[in-house]
Amino acid sequence: MGRLSRSHLPQVLWGHGQTMHCKKRQDKFKTELSIFYAWCESTNTLPQSKLGRAIAYALSQREVMENVSLDGLLEISNNCVK
């Protein structure tokens, strides 16, 4: 296998691999996310209970979580940062 120059790296790293990763994420993650949010919306809890506050927080972060599925490069976990 030949050596890759720096000019080829963006194409290799962000080209087809990103598209496939994004497609897989959209297929699986969006499905799981919609199931989770449907559960959150159908669950009746006291608003000030721990579960009620957790559900309210999750619902307030819905748009942010949906954006994760749009970009195949975004990591769902922040373990790399820690």
PDB file of N, CA and C in Angstrom:
ATOM      1  N   MET A   1       0.856  -1.174   0.000  1.00  0.00           N
ATOM      2  CA  MET A   1       0.000   0.000   0.000  1.00  0.00           C
ATOM      3  C   MET A   1       0.893   1.225   0.000  1.00  0.00           C
ATOM      4  N   GLY A   2       0.582   2.184  -0.828  1.00  0.00           N
ATOM      5  CA  GLY A   2       1.369   3.403  -0.925  1.00  0.00           C
ATOM      6  C   GLY A   2       1.182   4.300   0.282  1.00  0.00           C
ATOM      7  N   ARG A   3       2.065   5.237   0.394  1.00  0.00           N
ATOM      8  CA  ARG A   3       2.014   6.171   1.514  1.00  0.00           C
ATOM      9  C   ARG A   3       1.026   7.299   1.204  1.00  0.00           C
ATOM     10  N   LEU A   4       0.235   7.690   2.186  1.00  0.00           N
ATOM     11  CA  LEU A   4      -0.732   8.768   1.992  1.00  0.00           C
ATOM     12  C   LEU A   4      -0.082  10.104   2.299  1.00  0.00           C
ATOM     13  N   SER A   5      -0.318  11.066   1.447  1.00  0.00           N
ATOM     14  CA  SER A   5       0.173  12.414   1.723  1.00  0.00           C
ATOM     15  C   SER A   5      -0.885  13.154   2.525  1.00  0.00           C
ATOM     16  N   ARG A   6      -0.514  14.275   3.103  1.00  0.00           N
ATOM     17  CA  ARG A   6      -1.465  15.051   3.900  1.00  0.00           C
ATOM     18  C   ARG A   6      -2.659  15.511   3.071  1.00  0.00           C
ATOM     19  N   SER A   7      -2.450  15.753   1.810  1.00  0.00           N
ATOM     20  CA  SER A   7      -3.558  16.227   0.975  1.00  0.00           C
ATOM     21  C   SER A   7      -4.634  15.159   0.809  1.00  0.00           C
ATOM     22  N   HIS A   8      -4.272  13.887   0.988  1.00  0.00           N
ATOM     23  CA  HIS A   8      -5.257  12.815   0.857  1.00  0.00           C
ATOM     24  C   HIS A   8      -6.003  12.533   2.156  1.00  0.00           C
ATOM     25  N   LEU A   9      -5.456  12.939   3.277  1.00  0.00           N
ATOM     26  CA  LEU A   9      -6.073  12.602   4.562  1.00  0.00           C
ATOM     27  C   LEU A   9      -7.498  13.108   4.725  1.00  0.00           C
ATOM     28  N   PRO A  10      -7.776  14.379   4.432  1.00  0.00           N
ATOM     29  CA  PRO A  10      -9.175  14.810   4.614  1.00  0.00           C
ATOM     30  C   PRO A  10     -10.155  13.999   3.787  1.00  0.00           C
ATOM     31  N   GLN A  11      -9.769  13.662   2.573  1.00  0.00           N
ATOM     32  CA  GLN A  11     -10.653  12.878   1.717  1.00  0.00           C
ATOM     33  C   GLN A  11     -10.861  11.485   2.307  1.00  0.00           C
ATOM     34  N   VAL A  12      -9.794  10.892   2.813  1.00  0.00           N
ATOM     35  CA  VAL A  12      -9.896   9.558   3.397  1.00  0.00           C
ATOM     36  C   VAL A  12     -10.697   9.604   4.689  1.00  0.00           C
ATOM     37  N   LEU A  13     -10.393  10.579   5.552  1.00  0.00           N
ATOM     38  CA  LEU A  13     -11.032  10.648   6.860  1.00  0.00           C
ATOM     39  C   LEU A  13     -12.463  11.151   6.809  1.00  0.00           C
ATOM     40  N   TRP A  14     -12.746  12.107   5.969  1.00  0.00           N
ATOM     41  CA  TRP A  14     -14.055  12.757   6.001  1.00  0.00           C
ATOM     42  C   TRP A  14     -14.929  12.430   4.798  1.00  0.00           C
ATOM     43  N   GLY A  15     -14.450  11.608   3.925  1.00  0.00           N
ATOM     44  CA  GLY A  15     -15.218  11.293   2.723  1.00  0.00           C
ATOM     45  C   GLY A  15     -16.265  10.237   2.950  1.00  0.00           C
ATOM     46  N   HIS A  16     -16.065   9.103   2.354  1.00  0.00           N
ATOM     47  CA  HIS A  16     -17.041   8.011   2.377  1.00  0.00           C
ATOM     48  C   HIS A  16     -17.290   7.492   3.792  1.00  0.00           C
ATOM     49  N   GLY A  17     -16.258   7.440   4.622  1.00  0.00           N
ATOM     50  CA  GLY A  17     -16.409   6.943   5.988  1.00  0.00           C
ATOM     51  C   GLY A  17     -17.405   7.751   6.796  1.00  0.00           C
ATOM     52  N   GLN A  18     -17.372   9.057   6.626  1.00  0.00           N
ATOM     53  CA  GLN A  18     -18.309   9.920   7.358  1.00  0.00           C
ATOM     54  C   GLN A  18     -19.732   9.654   6.899  1.00  0.00           C
ATOM     55  N   THR A  19     -19.911   9.490   5.614  1.00  0.00           N
ATOM     56  CA  THR A  19     -21.247   9.251   5.068  1.00  0.00           C
ATOM     57  C   THR A  19     -21.820   7.947   5.617  1.00  0.00           C
ATOM     58  N   MET A  20     -21.018   6.889   5.633  1.00  0.00           N
ATOM     59  CA  MET A  20     -21.491   5.606   6.142  1.00  0.00           C
ATOM     60  C   MET A  20     -21.776   5.681   7.641  1.00  0.00           C
ATOM     61  N   HIS A  21     -20.880   6.338   8.379  1.00  0.00           N
ATOM     62  CA  HIS A  21     -21.059   6.464   9.822  1.00  0.00           C
ATOM     63  C   HIS A  21     -22.315   7.269  10.129  1.00  0.00           C
ATOM     64  N   CYS A  22     -22.508   8.349   9.401  1.00  0.00           N
ATOM     65  CA  CYS A  22     -23.682   9.197   9.608  1.00  0.00           C
ATOM     66  C   CYS A  22     -24.959   8.424   9.279  1.00  0.00           C
ATOM     67  N   LYS A  23     -24.953   7.665   8.218  1.00  0.00           N
ATOM     68  CA  LYS A  23     -26.135   6.887   7.825  1.00  0.00           C
ATOM     69  C   LYS A  23     -26.478   5.854   8.884  1.00  0.00           C
ATOM     70  N   LYS A  24     -25.451   5.148   9.394  1.00  0.00           N
ATOM     71  CA  LYS A  24     -25.698   4.150  10.440  1.00  0.00           C
ATOM     72  C   LYS A  24     -26.256   4.813  11.693  1.00  0.00           C
ATOM     73  N   ARG A  25     -25.679   5.966  12.039  1.00  0.00           N
ATOM     74  CA  ARG A  25     -26.150   6.681  13.230  1.00  0.00           C
ATOM     75  C   ARG A  25     -27.590   7.134  13.041  1.00  0.00           C
ATOM     76  N   GLN A  26     -27.888   7.667  11.860  1.00  0.00           N
ATOM     77  CA  GLN A  26     -29.251   8.123  11.615  1.00  0.00           C
ATOM     78  C   GLN A  26     -30.234   6.964  11.704  1.00  0.00           C
ATOM     79  N   ASP A  27     -29.860   5.841  11.150  1.00  0.00           N
ATOM     80  CA  ASP A  27     -30.768   4.692  11.162  1.00  0.00           C
ATOM     81  C   ASP A  27     -31.032   4.185  12.572  1.00  0.00           C
ATOM     82  N   LYS A  28     -29.978   3.963  13.329  1.00  0.00           N
ATOM     83  CA  LYS A  28     -30.140   3.358  14.647  1.00  0.00           C
ATOM     84  C   LYS A  28     -30.424   4.386  15.740  1.00  0.00           C
ATOM     85  N   PHE A  29     -29.606   5.425  15.793  1.00  0.00           N
ATOM     86  CA  PHE A  29     -29.708   6.390  16.879  1.00  0.00           C
ATOM     87  C   PHE A  29     -31.029   7.149  16.841  1.00  0.00           C
ATOM     88  N   LYS A  30     -31.474   7.573  15.661  1.00  0.00           N
ATOM     89  CA  LYS A  30     -32.729   8.313  15.573  1.00  0.00           C
ATOM     90  C   LYS A  30     -33.915   7.447  15.983  1.00  0.00           C
ATOM     91  N   THR A  31     -33.859   6.168  15.637  1.00  0.00           N
ATOM     92  CA  THR A  31     -34.923   5.254  16.036  1.00  0.00           C
ATOM     93  C   THR A  31     -34.966   5.109  17.552  1.00  0.00           C
ATOM     94  N   GLU A  32     -33.792   4.862  18.140  1.00  0.00           N
ATOM     95  CA  GLU A  32     -33.720   4.712  19.594  1.00  0.00           C
ATOM     96  C   GLU A  32     -34.111   6.009  20.306  1.00  0.00           C
ATOM     97  N   LEU A  33     -33.695   7.135  19.741  1.00  0.00           N
ATOM     98  CA  LEU A  33     -34.007   8.434  20.332  1.00  0.00           C
ATOM     99  C   LEU A  33     -35.509   8.699  20.302  1.00  0.00           C
ATOM    100  N   SER A  34     -36.152   8.375  19.200  1.00  0.00           N
ATOM    101  CA  SER A  34     -37.603   8.614  19.112  1.00  0.00           C
ATOM    102  C   SER A  34     -38.355   7.710  20.088  1.00  0.00           C
ATOM    103  N   ILE A  35     -37.886   6.485  20.281  1.00  0.00           N
ATOM    104  CA  ILE A  35     -38.511   5.588  21.260  1.00  0.00           C
ATOM    105  C   ILE A  35     -38.344   6.157  22.667  1.00  0.00           C
ATOM    106  N   PHE A  36     -37.139   6.630  22.965  1.00  0.00           N
ATOM    107  CA  PHE A  36     -36.869   7.198  24.281  1.00  0.00           C
ATOM    108  C   PHE A  36     -37.745   8.420  24.542  1.00  0.00           C
ATOM    109  N   TYR A  37     -37.828   9.339  23.578  1.00  0.00           N
ATOM    110  CA  TYR A  37     -38.623  10.549  23.793  1.00  0.00           C
ATOM    111  C   TYR A  37     -40.121  10.263  23.826  1.00  0.00           C
ATOM    112  N   ALA A  38     -40.566   9.255  23.098  1.00  0.00           N
ATOM    113  CA  ALA A  38     -41.969   8.854  23.194  1.00  0.00           C
ATOM    114  C   ALA A  38     -42.265   8.344  24.605  1.00  0.00           C
ATOM    115  N   TRP A  39     -41.319   7.590  25.173  1.00  0.00           N
ATOM    116  CA  TRP A  39     -41.481   7.114  26.547  1.00  0.00           C
ATOM    117  C   TRP A  39     -41.497   8.290  27.521  1.00  0.00           C
ATOM    118  N   CYS A  40     -40.582   9.242  27.329  1.00  0.00           N
ATOM    119  CA  CYS A  40     -40.524  10.412  28.213  1.00  0.00           C
ATOM    120  C   CYS A  40     -41.839  11.184  28.199  1.00  0.00           C
ATOM    121  N   GLU A  41     -42.402  11.352  27.015  1.00  0.00           N
ATOM    122  CA  GLU A  41     -43.637  12.126  26.888  1.00  0.00           C
ATOM    123  C   GLU A  41     -44.848  11.378  27.435  1.00  0.00           C
ATOM    124  N   SER A  42     -44.790  10.054  27.448  1.00  0.00           N
ATOM    125  CA  SER A  42     -45.951   9.289  27.919  1.00  0.00           C
ATOM    126  C   SER A  42     -45.870   8.932  29.406  1.00  0.00           C
ATOM    127  N   THR A  43     -44.728   9.178  30.022  1.00  0.00           N
ATOM    128  CA  THR A  43     -44.546   8.830  31.429  1.00  0.00           C
ATOM    129  C   THR A  43     -45.122   9.923  32.322  1.00  0.00           C
ATOM    130  N   ASN A  44     -45.941   9.516  33.265  1.00  0.00           N
ATOM    131  CA  ASN A  44     -46.517  10.457  34.223  1.00  0.00           C
ATOM    132  C   ASN A  44     -45.751  10.351  35.541  1.00  0.00           C
ATOM    133  N   THR A  45     -45.035  11.390  35.867  1.00  0.00           N
ATOM    134  CA  THR A  45     -44.302  11.427  37.134  1.00  0.00           C
ATOM    135  C   THR A  45     -44.543  12.778  37.797  1.00  0.00           C
ATOM    136  N   LEU A  46     -44.252  12.843  39.063  1.00  0.00           N
ATOM    137  CA  LEU A  46     -44.317  14.132  39.747  1.00  0.00           C
ATOM    138  C   LEU A  46     -43.175  15.001  39.240  1.00  0.00           C
ATOM    139  N   PRO A  47     -43.451  16.247  38.854  1.00  0.00           N
ATOM    140  CA  PRO A  47     -42.415  17.102  38.258  1.00  0.00           C
ATOM    141  C   PRO A  47     -41.194  17.328  39.149  1.00  0.00           C
ATOM    142  N   GLN A  48     -41.374  17.332  40.454  1.00  0.00           N
ATOM    143  CA  GLN A  48     -40.249  17.595  41.350  1.00  0.00           C
ATOM    144  C   GLN A  48     -39.555  16.323  41.846  1.00  0.00           C
ATOM    145  N   SER A  49     -40.014  15.157  41.411  1.00  0.00           N
ATOM    146  CA  SER A  49     -39.326  13.922  41.784  1.00  0.00           C
ATOM    147  C   SER A  49     -38.029  13.828  40.976  1.00  0.00           C
ATOM    148  N   LYS A  50     -37.138  12.963  41.390  1.00  0.00           N
ATOM    149  CA  LYS A  50     -35.877  12.811  40.657  1.00  0.00           C
ATOM    150  C   LYS A  50     -36.126  12.372  39.220  1.00  0.00           C
ATOM    151  N   LEU A  51     -37.033  11.429  39.035  1.00  0.00           N
ATOM    152  CA  LEU A  51     -37.348  10.975  37.689  1.00  0.00           C
ATOM    153  C   LEU A  51     -38.015  12.085  36.884  1.00  0.00           C
ATOM    154  N   GLY A  52     -38.902  12.825  37.511  1.00  0.00           N
ATOM    155  CA  GLY A  52     -39.571  13.933  36.830  1.00  0.00           C
ATOM    156  C   GLY A  52     -38.587  14.990  36.364  1.00  0.00           C
ATOM    157  N   ARG A  53     -37.614  15.314  37.211  1.00  0.00           N
ATOM    158  CA  ARG A  53     -36.588  16.299  36.822  1.00  0.00           C
ATOM    159  C   ARG A  53     -35.692  15.751  35.727  1.00  0.00           C
ATOM    160  N   ALA A  54     -35.365  14.457  35.790  1.00  0.00           N
ATOM    161  CA  ALA A  54     -34.528  13.847  34.757  1.00  0.00           C
ATOM    162  C   ALA A  54     -35.249  13.853  33.404  1.00  0.00           C
ATOM    163  N   ILE A  55     -36.534  13.544  33.409  1.00  0.00           N
ATOM    164  CA  ILE A  55     -37.310  13.544  32.165  1.00  0.00           C
ATOM    165  C   ILE A  55     -37.436  14.963  31.619  1.00  0.00           C
ATOM    166  N   ALA A  56     -37.680  15.930  32.492  1.00  0.00           N
ATOM    167  CA  ALA A  56     -37.774  17.326  32.047  1.00  0.00           C
ATOM    168  C   ALA A  56     -36.459  17.771  31.423  1.00  0.00           C
ATOM    169  N   TYR A  57     -35.344  17.380  32.026  1.00  0.00           N
ATOM    170  CA  TYR A  57     -34.035  17.726  31.468  1.00  0.00           C
ATOM    171  C   TYR A  57     -33.835  17.065  30.102  1.00  0.00           C
ATOM    172  N   ALA A  58     -34.168  15.785  30.008  1.00  0.00           N
ATOM    173  CA  ALA A  58     -34.022  15.069  28.734  1.00  0.00           C
ATOM    174  C   ALA A  58     -34.855  15.733  27.642  1.00  0.00           C
ATOM    175  N   LEU A  59     -36.089  16.109  27.980  1.00  0.00           N
ATOM    176  CA  LEU A  59     -36.950  16.763  26.994  1.00  0.00           C
ATOM    177  C   LEU A  59     -36.402  18.130  26.584  1.00  0.00           C
ATOM    178  N   SER A  60     -35.756  18.818  27.516  1.00  0.00           N
ATOM    179  CA  SER A  60     -35.191  20.127  27.178  1.00  0.00           C
ATOM    180  C   SER A  60     -33.955  19.999  26.281  1.00  0.00           C
ATOM    181  N   GLN A  61     -33.352  18.821  26.261  1.00  0.00           N
ATOM    182  CA  GLN A  61     -32.152  18.593  25.451  1.00  0.00           C
ATOM    183  C   GLN A  61     -32.448  17.856  24.142  1.00  0.00           C
ATOM    184  N   ARG A  62     -33.700  17.725  23.816  1.00  0.00           N
ATOM    185  CA  ARG A  62     -34.093  16.945  22.639  1.00  0.00           C
ATOM    186  C   ARG A  62     -33.472  17.467  21.350  1.00  0.00           C
ATOM    187  N   GLU A  63     -33.526  18.755  21.123  1.00  0.00           N
ATOM    188  CA  GLU A  63     -32.972  19.323  19.890  1.00  0.00           C
ATOM    189  C   GLU A  63     -31.476  19.063  19.780  1.00  0.00           C
ATOM    190  N   VAL A  64     -30.776  19.194  20.888  1.00  0.00           N
ATOM    191  CA  VAL A  64     -29.331  18.945  20.897  1.00  0.00           C
ATOM    192  C   VAL A  64     -29.053  17.491  20.554  1.00  0.00           C
ATOM    193  N   MET A  65     -29.788  16.584  21.149  1.00  0.00           N
ATOM    194  CA  MET A  65     -29.582  15.162  20.882  1.00  0.00           C
ATOM    195  C   MET A  65     -29.919  14.793  19.445  1.00  0.00           C
ATOM    196  N   GLU A  66     -30.929  15.434  18.881  1.00  0.00           N
ATOM    197  CA  GLU A  66     -31.260  15.156  17.482  1.00  0.00           C
ATOM    198  C   GLU A  66     -30.164  15.657  16.550  1.00  0.00           C
ATOM    199  N   ASN A  67     -29.466  16.719  16.929  1.00  0.00           N
ATOM    200  CA  ASN A  67     -28.358  17.215  16.116  1.00  0.00           C
ATOM    201  C   ASN A  67     -27.192  16.237  16.081  1.00  0.00           C
ATOM    202  N   VAL A  68     -27.031  15.450  17.127  1.00  0.00           N
ATOM    203  CA  VAL A  68     -25.960  14.452  17.158  1.00  0.00           C
ATOM    204  C   VAL A  68     -26.138  13.463  16.014  1.00  0.00           C
ATOM    205  N   SER A  69     -27.356  13.133  15.695  1.00  0.00           N
ATOM    206  CA  SER A  69     -27.596  12.158  14.631  1.00  0.00           C
ATOM    207  C   SER A  69     -27.343  12.739  13.238  1.00  0.00           C
ATOM    208  N   LEU A  70     -27.251  14.050  13.130  1.00  0.00           N
ATOM    209  CA  LEU A  70     -27.030  14.675  11.828  1.00  0.00           C
ATOM    210  C   LEU A  70     -25.571  14.694  11.411  1.00  0.00           C
ATOM    211  N   ASP A  71     -24.652  14.649  12.375  1.00  0.00           N
ATOM    212  CA  ASP A  71     -23.231  14.725  12.081  1.00  0.00           C
ATOM    213  C   ASP A  71     -22.551  13.445  12.527  1.00  0.00           C
ATOM    214  N   GLY A  72     -22.055  12.674  11.565  1.00  0.00           N
ATOM    215  CA  GLY A  72     -21.407  11.411  11.869  1.00  0.00           C
ATOM    216  C   GLY A  72     -20.111  11.550  12.633  1.00  0.00           C
ATOM    217  N   LEU A  73     -19.564  12.756  12.728  1.00  0.00           N
ATOM    218  CA  LEU A  73     -18.299  12.966  13.438  1.00  0.00           C
ATOM    219  C   LEU A  73     -18.476  13.254  14.913  1.00  0.00           C
ATOM    220  N   LEU A  74     -19.676  13.682  15.315  1.00  0.00           N
ATOM    221  CA  LEU A  74     -19.902  13.996  16.722  1.00  0.00           C
ATOM    222  C   LEU A  74     -19.940  12.715  17.547  1.00  0.00           C
ATOM    223  N   GLU A  75     -19.267  12.759  18.683  1.00  0.00           N
ATOM    224  CA  GLU A  75     -19.263  11.620  19.580  1.00  0.00           C
ATOM    225  C   GLU A  75     -20.438  11.741  20.555  1.00  0.00           C
ATOM    226  N   ILE A  76     -21.084  10.635  20.830  1.00  0.00           N
ATOM    227  CA  ILE A  76     -22.190  10.630  21.768  1.00  0.00           C
ATOM    228  C   ILE A  76     -21.654  10.709  23.202  1.00  0.00           C
ATOM    229  N   SER A  77     -20.499  10.158  23.426  1.00  0.00           N
ATOM    230  CA  SER A  77     -19.878  10.132  24.745  1.00  0.00           C
ATOM    231  C   SER A  77     -18.764  11.176  24.823  1.00  0.00           C
ATOM    232  N   ASN A  78     -18.507  11.661  26.017  1.00  0.00           N
ATOM    233  CA  ASN A  78     -17.391  12.606  26.188  1.00  0.00           C
ATOM    234  C   ASN A  78     -16.195  11.914  26.845  1.00  0.00           C
ATOM    235  N   ASN A  79     -16.106  10.603  26.787  1.00  0.00           N
ATOM    236  CA  ASN A  79     -15.021   9.859  27.389  1.00  0.00           C
ATOM    237  C   ASN A  79     -13.659  10.263  26.836  1.00  0.00           C
ATOM    238  N   CYS A  80     -13.576  10.623  25.569  1.00  0.00           N
ATOM    239  CA  CYS A  80     -12.310  11.026  24.959  1.00  0.00           C
ATOM    240  C   CYS A  80     -11.787  12.303  25.619  1.00  0.00           C
ATOM    241  N   VAL A  81     -12.672  13.152  26.068  1.00  0.00           N
ATOM    242  CA  VAL A  81     -12.287  14.423  26.680  1.00  0.00           C
ATOM    243  C   VAL A  81     -11.732  14.193  28.072  1.00  0.00           C
ATOM    244  N   LYS A  82     -12.295  13.245  28.779  1.00  0.00           N
ATOM    245  CA  LYS A  82     -11.870  12.966  30.146  1.00  0.00           C
ATOM    246  C   LYS A  82     -10.524  12.348  30.101  1.00  0.00           C
TER     247      LYS A  82
END
